[in-house]
Amino acid sequence: MTALPAHTPLADLASPDFATVQDAEDAEDAEDAEDPHGRDAQDRRQDRRRDCRYLVGLSADGTPTTLAVRTSPAAPRRRPAVVVSGTATLQDVVEESALLNLLELSPEAAVVMDHASSAVQGVLERATVDAYLRQDRFPGGPVRAGGGAVTGDDSCLCGTHRTPHAHVICAFGGCGRVNALHFHDPEDPPECPGPGDGVPAHPLILSVRGR
């Protein structure tokens, strides 16, 4: 087996087999209605999405909030987007961060971002992480330091974090706030402060939706 270089930037290891979509139920309808090129452009977008293995859902400000993988003809399930920096390395995220813990939220892959431009660069597949873990040189599990949630405003999430984190859309009734988690403990969910429009603070509730 060819050794995976520990110090190669994740942007160079990321799969380009992805497409981005607006992470809203009516986003495609709104996009199609505003499309000046008509049906042909719409068909090209839909074909591109059907051909890609991964769909990265983006909020209105470009923050990756969900990741879906096509593993069968059935509609893929959207899971929280685990985000890693394209300038980080496998050693950084596997040996020195809580990435393996966060991948419990999105087991198939993580979204690789250029934080300088807030652009999605690709998808770090779990198979790549697992191949690195199987190498003889790997000394052990990650350092799982820190924990809890960072719950800044949605508009502040994109491009502000360098360490691996997960963007989780809270499924509490009437909430929908995006929370940034740096560690995931299913037995002790962090508090979500709510969207700020009368919904009180509450325990964060995860959701997994069909697409």
C-alpha atoms as a PDB file:
ATOM      1  CA  MET A   1       0.000   0.000   0.000  1.00  0.00           C
ATOM      2  CA  THR A   2       1.338   3.432  -0.874  1.00  0.00           C
ATOM      3  CA  ALA A   3       1.913   5.465   2.253  1.00  0.00           C
ATOM      4  CA  LEU A   4      -0.258   8.532   2.649  1.00  0.00           C
ATOM      5  CA  PRO A   5       1.926  11.590   3.254  1.00  0.00           C
ATOM      6  CA  ALA A   6       1.226  12.969   6.726  1.00  0.00           C
ATOM      7  CA  HIS A   7       2.101  16.528   5.744  1.00  0.00           C
ATOM      8  CA  THR A   8       0.238  16.884   2.429  1.00  0.00           C
ATOM      9  CA  PRO A   9      -2.432  19.640   2.600  1.00  0.00           C
ATOM     10  CA  LEU A  10      -5.934  18.206   2.733  1.00  0.00           C
ATOM     11  CA  ALA A  11      -6.868  20.299  -0.289  1.00  0.00           C
ATOM     12  CA  ASP A  12      -4.576  18.027  -2.331  1.00  0.00           C
ATOM     13  CA  LEU A  13      -6.137  14.848  -0.883  1.00  0.00           C
ATOM     14  CA  ALA A  14      -9.771  15.928  -1.184  1.00  0.00           C
ATOM     15  CA  SER A  15     -12.131  14.315  -3.667  1.00  0.00           C
ATOM     16  CA  PRO A  16     -13.437  16.751  -6.320  1.00  0.00           C
ATOM     17  CA  ASP A  17     -16.536  14.563  -6.799  1.00  0.00           C
ATOM     18  CA  PHE A  18     -18.965  17.016  -5.184  1.00  0.00           C
ATOM     19  CA  ALA A  19     -21.521  19.691  -5.950  1.00  0.00           C
ATOM     20  CA  THR A  20     -22.843  22.467  -3.742  1.00  0.00           C
ATOM     21  CA  VAL A  21     -26.531  23.191  -3.205  1.00  0.00           C
ATOM     22  CA  GLN A  22     -28.449  25.737  -1.167  1.00  0.00           C
ATOM     23  CA  ASP A  23     -29.401  23.987   2.057  1.00  0.00           C
ATOM     24  CA  ALA A  24     -33.074  25.002   2.045  1.00  0.00           C
ATOM     25  CA  GLU A  25     -36.157  23.079   1.045  1.00  0.00           C
ATOM     26  CA  ASP A  26     -37.219  25.650  -1.571  1.00  0.00           C
ATOM     27  CA  ALA A  27     -33.740  26.724  -2.739  1.00  0.00           C
ATOM     28  CA  GLU A  28     -33.889  24.943  -6.088  1.00  0.00           C
ATOM     29  CA  ASP A  29     -37.314  26.384  -6.898  1.00  0.00           C
ATOM     30  CA  ALA A  30     -36.108  29.902  -6.120  1.00  0.00           C
ATOM     31  CA  GLU A  31     -32.923  29.414  -8.128  1.00  0.00           C
ATOM     32  CA  ASP A  32     -34.816  28.108 -11.145  1.00  0.00           C
ATOM     33  CA  ALA A  33     -37.294  30.983 -11.052  1.00  0.00           C
ATOM     34  CA  GLU A  34     -34.452  33.518 -11.198  1.00  0.00           C
ATOM     35  CA  ASP A  35     -32.421  31.694 -13.839  1.00  0.00           C
ATOM     36  CA  PRO A  36     -32.181  33.917 -16.956  1.00  0.00           C
ATOM     37  CA  HIS A  37     -30.996  30.997 -19.086  1.00  0.00           C
ATOM     38  CA  GLY A  38     -34.133  28.927 -18.631  1.00  0.00           C
ATOM     39  CA  ARG A  39     -34.591  25.189 -18.675  1.00  0.00           C
ATOM     40  CA  ASP A  40     -31.229  24.249 -20.241  1.00  0.00           C
ATOM     41  CA  ALA A  41     -29.243  25.747 -17.361  1.00  0.00           C
ATOM     42  CA  GLN A  42     -31.569  24.096 -14.854  1.00  0.00           C
ATOM     43  CA  ASP A  43     -31.068  20.713 -16.523  1.00  0.00           C
ATOM     44  CA  ARG A  44     -27.298  21.140 -16.497  1.00  0.00           C
ATOM     45  CA  ARG A  45     -27.345  21.897 -12.763  1.00  0.00           C
ATOM     46  CA  GLN A  46     -29.511  18.879 -12.025  1.00  0.00           C
ATOM     47  CA  ASP A  47     -27.319  16.616 -14.171  1.00  0.00           C
ATOM     48  CA  ARG A  48     -24.197  17.821 -12.373  1.00  0.00           C
ATOM     49  CA  ARG A  49     -25.794  17.126  -8.998  1.00  0.00           C
ATOM     50  CA  ARG A  50     -26.929  13.667 -10.087  1.00  0.00           C
ATOM     51  CA  ASP A  51     -23.428  12.827 -11.335  1.00  0.00           C
ATOM     52  CA  CYS A  52     -21.633  13.858  -8.122  1.00  0.00           C
ATOM     53  CA  ARG A  53     -21.155  11.452  -5.236  1.00  0.00           C
ATOM     54  CA  TYR A  54     -21.314  14.172  -2.576  1.00  0.00           C
ATOM     55  CA  LEU A  55     -23.684  17.111  -2.113  1.00  0.00           C
ATOM     56  CA  VAL A  56     -22.523  19.913   0.169  1.00  0.00           C
ATOM     57  CA  GLY A  57     -25.408  22.000   1.503  1.00  0.00           C
ATOM     58  CA  LEU A  58     -24.639  25.689   1.989  1.00  0.00           C
ATOM     59  CA  SER A  59     -26.460  28.270   4.080  1.00  0.00           C
ATOM     60  CA  ALA A  60     -27.288  31.667   2.626  1.00  0.00           C
ATOM     61  CA  ASP A  61     -23.859  33.029   3.621  1.00  0.00           C
ATOM     62  CA  GLY A  62     -21.966  30.098   2.073  1.00  0.00           C
ATOM     63  CA  THR A  63     -21.362  28.133   5.276  1.00  0.00           C
ATOM     64  CA  PRO A  64     -21.304  24.334   4.690  1.00  0.00           C
ATOM     65  CA  THR A  65     -24.087  23.049   6.914  1.00  0.00           C
ATOM     66  CA  THR A  66     -24.852  19.566   5.563  1.00  0.00           C
ATOM     67  CA  LEU A  67     -23.192  16.758   3.613  1.00  0.00           C
ATOM     68  CA  ALA A  68     -25.024  14.042   1.712  1.00  0.00           C
ATOM     69  CA  VAL A  69     -23.485  11.033  -0.004  1.00  0.00           C
ATOM     70  CA  ARG A  70     -25.078   9.004  -2.775  1.00  0.00           C
ATOM     71  CA  THR A  71     -24.624   5.355  -1.906  1.00  0.00           C
ATOM     72  CA  SER A  72     -27.843   4.059  -3.482  1.00  0.00           C
ATOM     73  CA  PRO A  73     -30.635   5.215  -5.793  1.00  0.00           C
ATOM     74  CA  ALA A  74     -32.545   6.295  -2.689  1.00  0.00           C
ATOM     75  CA  ALA A  75     -32.461   9.954  -1.683  1.00  0.00           C
ATOM     76  CA  PRO A  76     -29.269  10.623   0.285  1.00  0.00           C
ATOM     77  CA  ARG A  77     -29.545  11.683   3.900  1.00  0.00           C
ATOM     78  CA  ARG A  78     -28.175  15.082   4.820  1.00  0.00           C
ATOM     79  CA  ARG A  79     -25.912  14.944   7.849  1.00  0.00           C
ATOM     80  CA  PRO A  80     -24.122  17.755   9.679  1.00  0.00           C
ATOM     81  CA  ALA A  81     -21.145  19.055   7.727  1.00  0.00           C
ATOM     82  CA  VAL A  82     -17.821  18.341   9.417  1.00  0.00           C
ATOM     83  CA  VAL A  83     -15.436  21.037   8.158  1.00  0.00           C
ATOM     84  CA  VAL A  84     -11.640  20.854   7.913  1.00  0.00           C
ATOM     85  CA  SER A  85      -9.166  23.389   6.580  1.00  0.00           C
ATOM     86  CA  GLY A  86      -7.570  22.734   3.207  1.00  0.00           C
ATOM     87  CA  THR A  87      -4.214  23.885   4.582  1.00  0.00           C
ATOM     88  CA  ALA A  88      -4.306  21.320   7.418  1.00  0.00           C
ATOM     89  CA  THR A  89      -2.680  17.902   7.021  1.00  0.00           C
ATOM     90  CA  LEU A  90      -3.738  14.369   7.892  1.00  0.00           C
ATOM     91  CA  GLN A  91      -1.386  14.489  10.849  1.00  0.00           C
ATOM     92  CA  ASP A  92      -3.027  17.714  12.023  1.00  0.00           C
ATOM     93  CA  VAL A  93      -6.601  16.479  11.873  1.00  0.00           C
ATOM     94  CA  VAL A  94      -6.157  12.799  12.774  1.00  0.00           C
ATOM     95  CA  GLU A  95      -3.449  12.899  15.427  1.00  0.00           C
ATOM     96  CA  GLU A  96      -3.920  16.346  16.917  1.00  0.00           C
ATOM     97  CA  SER A  97      -7.649  17.090  16.807  1.00  0.00           C
ATOM     98  CA  ALA A  98     -11.075  15.638  17.524  1.00  0.00           C
ATOM     99  CA  LEU A  99     -11.840  14.867  13.869  1.00  0.00           C
ATOM    100  CA  LEU A 100     -12.488  11.168  14.500  1.00  0.00           C
ATOM    101  CA  ASN A 101     -14.978  12.098  17.191  1.00  0.00           C
ATOM    102  CA  LEU A 102     -16.743  14.602  14.918  1.00  0.00           C
ATOM    103  CA  LEU A 103     -16.989  12.042  12.109  1.00  0.00           C
ATOM    104  CA  GLU A 104     -19.487  10.206  14.309  1.00  0.00           C
ATOM    105  CA  LEU A 105     -21.887  12.932  13.139  1.00  0.00           C
ATOM    106  CA  SER A 106     -21.030  12.455   9.460  1.00  0.00           C
ATOM    107  CA  PRO A 107     -19.315   9.075   9.070  1.00  0.00           C
ATOM    108  CA  GLU A 108     -18.693   9.154   5.316  1.00  0.00           C
ATOM    109  CA  ALA A 109     -16.604  12.292   4.852  1.00  0.00           C
ATOM    110  CA  ALA A 110     -15.690  15.839   5.845  1.00  0.00           C
ATOM    111  CA  VAL A 111     -15.907  19.061   3.844  1.00  0.00           C
ATOM    112  CA  VAL A 112     -12.553  20.662   2.959  1.00  0.00           C
ATOM    113  CA  MET A 113     -12.607  24.466   2.911  1.00  0.00           C
ATOM    114  CA  ASP A 114     -10.309  27.303   1.972  1.00  0.00           C
ATOM    115  CA  HIS A 115     -10.978  29.540   4.964  1.00  0.00           C
ATOM    116  CA  ALA A 116      -9.358  32.535   3.312  1.00  0.00           C
ATOM    117  CA  SER A 117     -11.924  32.577   0.498  1.00  0.00           C
ATOM    118  CA  SER A 118     -14.693  30.570   2.249  1.00  0.00           C
ATOM    119  CA  ALA A 119     -14.754  28.245  -0.779  1.00  0.00           C
ATOM    120  CA  VAL A 120     -15.379  24.491  -0.655  1.00  0.00           C
ATOM    121  CA  GLN A 121     -12.302  22.743  -2.090  1.00  0.00           C
ATOM    122  CA  GLY A 122     -13.485  19.136  -1.990  1.00  0.00           C
ATOM    123  CA  VAL A 123     -14.417  16.275   0.319  1.00  0.00           C
ATOM    124  CA  LEU A 124     -12.052  14.362   2.603  1.00  0.00           C
ATOM    125  CA  GLU A 125     -13.368  10.817   2.335  1.00  0.00           C
ATOM    126  CA  ARG A 126     -13.449   8.504   5.342  1.00  0.00           C
ATOM    127  CA  ALA A 127     -11.549   5.925   3.280  1.00  0.00           C
ATOM    128  CA  THR A 128      -8.594   8.328   3.127  1.00  0.00           C
ATOM    129  CA  VAL A 129      -8.664   8.812   6.907  1.00  0.00           C
ATOM    130  CA  ASP A 130      -8.954   5.057   7.484  1.00  0.00           C
ATOM    131  CA  ALA A 131      -6.033   4.335   5.142  1.00  0.00           C
ATOM    132  CA  TYR A 132      -3.910   6.761   7.141  1.00  0.00           C
ATOM    133  CA  LEU A 133      -4.961   5.105  10.405  1.00  0.00           C
ATOM    134  CA  ARG A 134      -3.919   1.665   9.089  1.00  0.00           C
ATOM    135  CA  GLN A 135      -0.363   2.754   8.365  1.00  0.00           C
ATOM    136  CA  ASP A 136       2.313   1.321  10.635  1.00  0.00           C
ATOM    137  CA  ARG A 137       3.653   4.767  11.423  1.00  0.00           C
ATOM    138  CA  PHE A 138       0.423   5.960  13.001  1.00  0.00           C
ATOM    139  CA  PRO A 139       1.123   6.148  16.752  1.00  0.00           C
ATOM    140  CA  GLY A 140      -2.397   6.019  18.118  1.00  0.00           C
ATOM    141  CA  GLY A 141      -5.656   7.884  18.491  1.00  0.00           C
ATOM    142  CA  PRO A 142      -6.188  11.613  18.348  1.00  0.00           C
ATOM    143  CA  VAL A 143      -5.764  14.010  21.217  1.00  0.00           C
ATOM    144  CA  ARG A 144      -9.342  14.724  22.176  1.00  0.00           C
ATOM    145  CA  ALA A 145      -8.753  17.957  24.012  1.00  0.00           C
ATOM    146  CA  GLY A 146     -11.461  20.526  24.531  1.00  0.00           C
ATOM    147  CA  GLY A 147     -15.139  20.135  23.831  1.00  0.00           C
ATOM    148  CA  GLY A 148     -18.489  21.824  23.908  1.00  0.00           C
ATOM    149  CA  ALA A 149     -20.013  24.103  21.324  1.00  0.00           C
ATOM    150  CA  VAL A 150     -19.195  27.383  19.713  1.00  0.00           C
ATOM    151  CA  THR A 151     -22.518  29.032  19.035  1.00  0.00           C
ATOM    152  CA  GLY A 152     -21.694  32.303  17.306  1.00  0.00           C
ATOM    153  CA  ASP A 153     -24.143  33.929  14.935  1.00  0.00           C
ATOM    154  CA  ASP A 154     -24.726  32.026  11.696  1.00  0.00           C
ATOM    155  CA  SER A 155     -23.240  34.900   9.695  1.00  0.00           C
ATOM    156  CA  CYS A 156     -19.997  34.616  11.661  1.00  0.00           C
ATOM    157  CA  LEU A 157     -19.421  30.889  11.234  1.00  0.00           C
ATOM    158  CA  CYS A 158     -18.042  30.763   7.725  1.00  0.00           C
ATOM    159  CA  GLY A 159     -14.287  31.253   7.565  1.00  0.00           C
ATOM    160  CA  THR A 160     -13.733  31.840  11.273  1.00  0.00           C
ATOM    161  CA  HIS A 161     -12.563  28.390  12.389  1.00  0.00           C
ATOM    162  CA  ARG A 162      -9.332  26.564  11.544  1.00  0.00           C
ATOM    163  CA  THR A 163      -9.645  23.410  13.661  1.00  0.00           C
ATOM    164  CA  PRO A 164     -12.093  20.663  12.616  1.00  0.00           C
ATOM    165  CA  HIS A 165     -15.650  21.440  13.611  1.00  0.00           C
ATOM    166  CA  ALA A 166     -19.175  20.378  12.694  1.00  0.00           C
ATOM    167  CA  HIS A 167     -21.966  22.708  11.609  1.00  0.00           C
ATOM    168  CA  VAL A 168     -25.175  21.373  13.131  1.00  0.00           C
ATOM    169  CA  ILE A 169     -28.630  22.760  12.310  1.00  0.00           C
ATOM    170  CA  CYS A 170     -30.644  22.543  15.526  1.00  0.00           C
ATOM    171  CA  ALA A 171     -33.892  20.603  15.062  1.00  0.00           C
ATOM    172  CA  PHE A 172     -35.584  22.016  18.167  1.00  0.00           C
ATOM    173  CA  GLY A 173     -39.064  23.278  17.255  1.00  0.00           C
ATOM    174  CA  GLY A 174     -38.866  26.752  15.736  1.00  0.00           C
ATOM    175  CA  CYS A 175     -35.074  26.972  16.046  1.00  0.00           C
ATOM    176  CA  GLY A 176     -32.994  26.033  12.979  1.00  0.00           C
ATOM    177  CA  ARG A 177     -29.887  27.794  14.305  1.00  0.00           C
ATOM    178  CA  VAL A 178     -26.491  26.658  13.014  1.00  0.00           C
ATOM    179  CA  ASN A 179     -24.179  25.618  15.857  1.00  0.00           C
ATOM    180  CA  ALA A 180     -20.451  24.952  15.453  1.00  0.00           C
ATOM    181  CA  LEU A 181     -19.328  21.929  17.489  1.00  0.00           C
ATOM    182  CA  HIS A 182     -15.683  21.128  18.191  1.00  0.00           C
ATOM    183  CA  PHE A 183     -16.533  17.892  20.036  1.00  0.00           C
ATOM    184  CA  HIS A 184     -19.557  15.613  20.016  1.00  0.00           C
ATOM    185  CA  ASP A 185     -20.897  13.883  23.122  1.00  0.00           C
ATOM    186  CA  PRO A 186     -24.299  12.327  22.352  1.00  0.00           C
ATOM    187  CA  GLU A 187     -24.893  11.760  26.079  1.00  0.00           C
ATOM    188  CA  ASP A 188     -24.334  15.428  26.927  1.00  0.00           C
ATOM    189  CA  PRO A 189     -25.536  17.707  24.109  1.00  0.00           C
ATOM    190  CA  PRO A 190     -24.479  21.343  24.398  1.00  0.00           C
ATOM    191  CA  GLU A 191     -26.951  24.160  24.851  1.00  0.00           C
ATOM    192  CA  CYS A 192     -28.198  25.949  21.750  1.00  0.00           C
ATOM    193  CA  PRO A 193     -28.960  29.617  22.483  1.00  0.00           C
ATOM    194  CA  GLY A 194     -31.785  29.649  19.951  1.00  0.00           C
ATOM    195  CA  PRO A 195     -32.349  31.893  16.930  1.00  0.00           C
ATOM    196  CA  GLY A 196     -32.974  35.025  18.989  1.00  0.00           C
ATOM    197  CA  ASP A 197     -36.636  35.537  18.062  1.00  0.00           C
ATOM    198  CA  GLY A 198     -38.378  34.357  21.183  1.00  0.00           C
ATOM    199  CA  VAL A 199     -37.276  30.713  21.142  1.00  0.00           C
ATOM    200  CA  PRO A 200     -35.577  30.077  24.512  1.00  0.00           C
ATOM    201  CA  ALA A 201     -32.203  28.392  24.964  1.00  0.00           C
ATOM    202  CA  HIS A 202     -32.486  24.603  24.832  1.00  0.00           C
ATOM    203  CA  PRO A 203     -30.386  21.426  24.433  1.00  0.00           C
ATOM    204  CA  LEU A 204     -29.118  21.063  20.889  1.00  0.00           C
ATOM    205  CA  ILE A 205     -31.158  18.535  18.902  1.00  0.00           C
ATOM    206  CA  LEU A 206     -29.547  16.859  15.889  1.00  0.00           C
ATOM    207  CA  SER A 207     -31.485  16.142  12.739  1.00  0.00           C
ATOM    208  CA  VAL A 208     -30.818  13.828   9.793  1.00  0.00           C
ATOM    209  CA  ARG A 209     -32.985  14.643   6.799  1.00  0.00           C
ATOM    210  CA  GLY A 210     -33.697  13.038   3.440  1.00  0.00           C
ATOM    211  CA  ARG A 211     -32.860  14.960   0.310  1.00  0.00           C
END
